């Protein structure tokens, strides 16, 4: 195994462990902002996959780029759907706002 593949696998393993520990320790109140942040990161990966799919580097690269575009798009759309659902849980029920009028 070459040194660059070994280094890449080491970074992947270390990043996975650190990411798991960080997300596991997030309090429940911060899950919605964290989800919005991960949607932004998924959007960045979508842009990168679009650039890869559009580059003329051969059929394998274009195919892998197209698969990455599909996966990133699903991730972004699903993330926004989940964030919207989580935010709806914090809206007041009954359709009326709980704001007080200025004269009250």
C-alpha atoms as a PDB file:
ATOM      1  CA  UNK A   1       0.000   0.000   0.000  1.00  0.00           C
ATOM      2  CA  UNK A   2       1.391   3.400  -0.939  1.00  0.00           C
ATOM      3  CA  UNK A   3       2.078   6.090   1.618  1.00  0.00           C
ATOM      4  CA  UNK A   4      -0.566   8.477   0.240  1.00  0.00           C
ATOM      5  CA  UNK A   5      -3.341   5.854   0.505  1.00  0.00           C
ATOM      6  CA  UNK A   6      -2.221   4.973   4.016  1.00  0.00           C
ATOM      7  CA  UNK A   7      -2.229   8.643   5.035  1.00  0.00           C
ATOM      8  CA  UNK A   8      -5.679   9.134   3.481  1.00  0.00           C
ATOM      9  CA  UNK A   9      -7.106   6.157   5.365  1.00  0.00           C
ATOM     10  CA  UNK A  10      -5.566   7.446   8.595  1.00  0.00           C
ATOM     11  CA  UNK A  11      -7.171  10.879   8.108  1.00  0.00           C
ATOM     12  CA  UNK A  12     -10.532   9.246   7.281  1.00  0.00           C
ATOM     13  CA  UNK A  13     -10.434   7.084  10.404  1.00  0.00           C
ATOM     14  CA  UNK A  14      -9.346   9.936  12.663  1.00  0.00           C
ATOM     15  CA  UNK A  15     -11.965  12.308  11.201  1.00  0.00           C
ATOM     16  CA  UNK A  16     -14.696   9.692  11.662  1.00  0.00           C
ATOM     17  CA  UNK A  17     -13.844   9.125  15.312  1.00  0.00           C
ATOM     18  CA  UNK A  18     -13.578  12.834  16.102  1.00  0.00           C
ATOM     19  CA  UNK A  19     -16.819  13.616  14.230  1.00  0.00           C
ATOM     20  CA  UNK A  20     -18.693  10.877  16.056  1.00  0.00           C
ATOM     21  CA  UNK A  21     -17.507  12.120  19.438  1.00  0.00           C
ATOM     22  CA  UNK A  22     -18.360  15.750  18.653  1.00  0.00           C
ATOM     23  CA  UNK A  23     -21.867  14.974  17.410  1.00  0.00           C
ATOM     24  CA  UNK A  24     -22.616  12.589  20.252  1.00  0.00           C
ATOM     25  CA  UNK A  25     -21.888  15.291  22.835  1.00  0.00           C
ATOM     26  CA  UNK A  26     -24.145  17.954  21.277  1.00  0.00           C
ATOM     27  CA  UNK A  27     -27.080  18.917  23.535  1.00  0.00           C
ATOM     28  CA  UNK A  28     -30.599  18.431  22.158  1.00  0.00           C
ATOM     29  CA  UNK A  29     -31.190  22.194  21.867  1.00  0.00           C
ATOM     30  CA  UNK A  30     -28.316  22.562  19.421  1.00  0.00           C
ATOM     31  CA  UNK A  31     -29.316  19.821  16.982  1.00  0.00           C
ATOM     32  CA  UNK A  32     -31.174  22.195  14.635  1.00  0.00           C
ATOM     33  CA  UNK A  33     -28.237  24.639  14.228  1.00  0.00           C
ATOM     34  CA  UNK A  34     -25.904  21.668  13.818  1.00  0.00           C
ATOM     35  CA  UNK A  35     -28.168  20.264  11.110  1.00  0.00           C
ATOM     36  CA  UNK A  36     -28.092  23.604   9.296  1.00  0.00           C
ATOM     37  CA  UNK A  37     -24.304  23.540   9.427  1.00  0.00           C
ATOM     38  CA  UNK A  38     -24.164  20.046   7.978  1.00  0.00           C
ATOM     39  CA  UNK A  39     -26.520  21.179   5.199  1.00  0.00           C
ATOM     40  CA  UNK A  40     -24.012  23.902   4.335  1.00  0.00           C
ATOM     41  CA  UNK A  41     -21.177  21.367   4.255  1.00  0.00           C
ATOM     42  CA  UNK A  42     -23.275  19.081   2.042  1.00  0.00           C
ATOM     43  CA  UNK A  43     -23.861  22.040  -0.277  1.00  0.00           C
ATOM     44  CA  UNK A  44     -20.111  22.539  -0.577  1.00  0.00           C
ATOM     45  CA  UNK A  45     -19.688  18.879  -1.487  1.00  0.00           C
ATOM     46  CA  UNK A  46     -22.453  19.295  -4.078  1.00  0.00           C
ATOM     47  CA  UNK A  47     -20.544  22.136  -5.720  1.00  0.00           C
ATOM     48  CA  UNK A  48     -17.363  20.061  -5.713  1.00  0.00           C
ATOM     49  CA  UNK A  49     -19.115  17.064  -7.225  1.00  0.00           C
ATOM     50  CA  UNK A  50     -20.631  19.273  -9.930  1.00  0.00           C
ATOM     51  CA  UNK A  51     -17.159  20.525 -10.804  1.00  0.00           C
ATOM     52  CA  UNK A  52     -15.859  16.966 -10.927  1.00  0.00           C
ATOM     53  CA  UNK A  53     -18.729  15.725 -13.075  1.00  0.00           C
ATOM     54  CA  UNK A  54     -18.286  18.620 -15.494  1.00  0.00           C
ATOM     55  CA  UNK A  55     -14.544  18.243 -15.903  1.00  0.00           C
ATOM     56  CA  UNK A  56     -13.373  16.372 -18.965  1.00  0.00           C
ATOM     57  CA  UNK A  57     -11.043  13.842 -17.329  1.00  0.00           C
ATOM     58  CA  UNK A  58     -12.455  10.632 -18.699  1.00  0.00           C
ATOM     59  CA  UNK A  59     -15.603   8.545 -18.488  1.00  0.00           C
ATOM     60  CA  UNK A  60     -14.843   7.049 -15.055  1.00  0.00           C
ATOM     61  CA  UNK A  61     -14.363  10.474 -13.476  1.00  0.00           C
ATOM     62  CA  UNK A  62     -17.536  11.797 -15.082  1.00  0.00           C
ATOM     63  CA  UNK A  63     -19.533   8.766 -13.904  1.00  0.00           C
ATOM     64  CA  UNK A  64     -18.219   9.010 -10.346  1.00  0.00           C
ATOM     65  CA  UNK A  65     -18.920  12.750 -10.393  1.00  0.00           C
ATOM     66  CA  UNK A  66     -22.502  12.138 -11.498  1.00  0.00           C
ATOM     67  CA  UNK A  67     -22.979   9.596  -8.706  1.00  0.00           C
ATOM     68  CA  UNK A  68     -21.529  12.133  -6.247  1.00  0.00           C
ATOM     69  CA  UNK A  69     -23.926  14.810  -7.554  1.00  0.00           C
ATOM     70  CA  UNK A  70     -26.891  12.498  -6.992  1.00  0.00           C
ATOM     71  CA  UNK A  71     -25.743  11.520  -3.486  1.00  0.00           C
ATOM     72  CA  UNK A  72     -24.989  15.121  -2.484  1.00  0.00           C
ATOM     73  CA  UNK A  73     -28.336  16.329  -3.818  1.00  0.00           C
ATOM     74  CA  UNK A  74     -30.200  13.686  -1.836  1.00  0.00           C
ATOM     75  CA  UNK A  75     -28.208  14.661   1.257  1.00  0.00           C
ATOM     76  CA  UNK A  76     -28.937  18.383   0.875  1.00  0.00           C
ATOM     77  CA  UNK A  77     -32.656  17.932   0.156  1.00  0.00           C
ATOM     78  CA  UNK A  78     -33.118  15.419   2.963  1.00  0.00           C
ATOM     79  CA  UNK A  79     -31.224  17.639   5.391  1.00  0.00           C
ATOM     80  CA  UNK A  80     -33.422  20.623   4.650  1.00  0.00           C
ATOM     81  CA  UNK A  81     -36.554  18.499   4.985  1.00  0.00           C
ATOM     82  CA  UNK A  82     -35.435  17.248   8.401  1.00  0.00           C
ATOM     83  CA  UNK A  83     -34.444  20.753   9.531  1.00  0.00           C
ATOM     84  CA  UNK A  84     -37.841  22.099   8.461  1.00  0.00           C
ATOM     85  CA  UNK A  85     -39.595  19.321  10.359  1.00  0.00           C
ATOM     86  CA  UNK A  86     -37.539  20.025  13.478  1.00  0.00           C
ATOM     87  CA  UNK A  87     -38.283  23.751  13.281  1.00  0.00           C
ATOM     88  CA  UNK A  88     -42.030  23.059  12.939  1.00  0.00           C
ATOM     89  CA  UNK A  89     -41.921  21.341  16.333  1.00  0.00           C
ATOM     90  CA  UNK A  90     -41.063  24.673  17.970  1.00  0.00           C
ATOM     91  CA  UNK A  91     -43.901  26.657  16.384  1.00  0.00           C
ATOM     92  CA  UNK A  92     -46.883  27.400  18.581  1.00  0.00           C
ATOM     93  CA  UNK A  93     -49.861  25.176  17.904  1.00  0.00           C
ATOM     94  CA  UNK A  94     -53.319  26.459  17.053  1.00  0.00           C
ATOM     95  CA  UNK A  95     -52.231  28.750  14.230  1.00  0.00           C
ATOM     96  CA  UNK A  96     -52.130  31.905  16.369  1.00  0.00           C
ATOM     97  CA  UNK A  97     -48.968  33.559  17.463  1.00  0.00           C
ATOM     98  CA  UNK A  98     -48.336  33.987  21.161  1.00  0.00           C
ATOM     99  CA  UNK A  99     -47.192  37.585  20.755  1.00  0.00           C
ATOM    100  CA  UNK A 100     -48.899  40.167  22.855  1.00  0.00           C
ATOM    101  CA  UNK A 101     -50.434  43.197  21.249  1.00  0.00           C
ATOM    102  CA  UNK A 102     -48.705  46.542  21.965  1.00  0.00           C
ATOM    103  CA  UNK A 103     -51.717  47.883  23.925  1.00  0.00           C
ATOM    104  CA  UNK A 104     -51.906  44.884  26.306  1.00  0.00           C
END
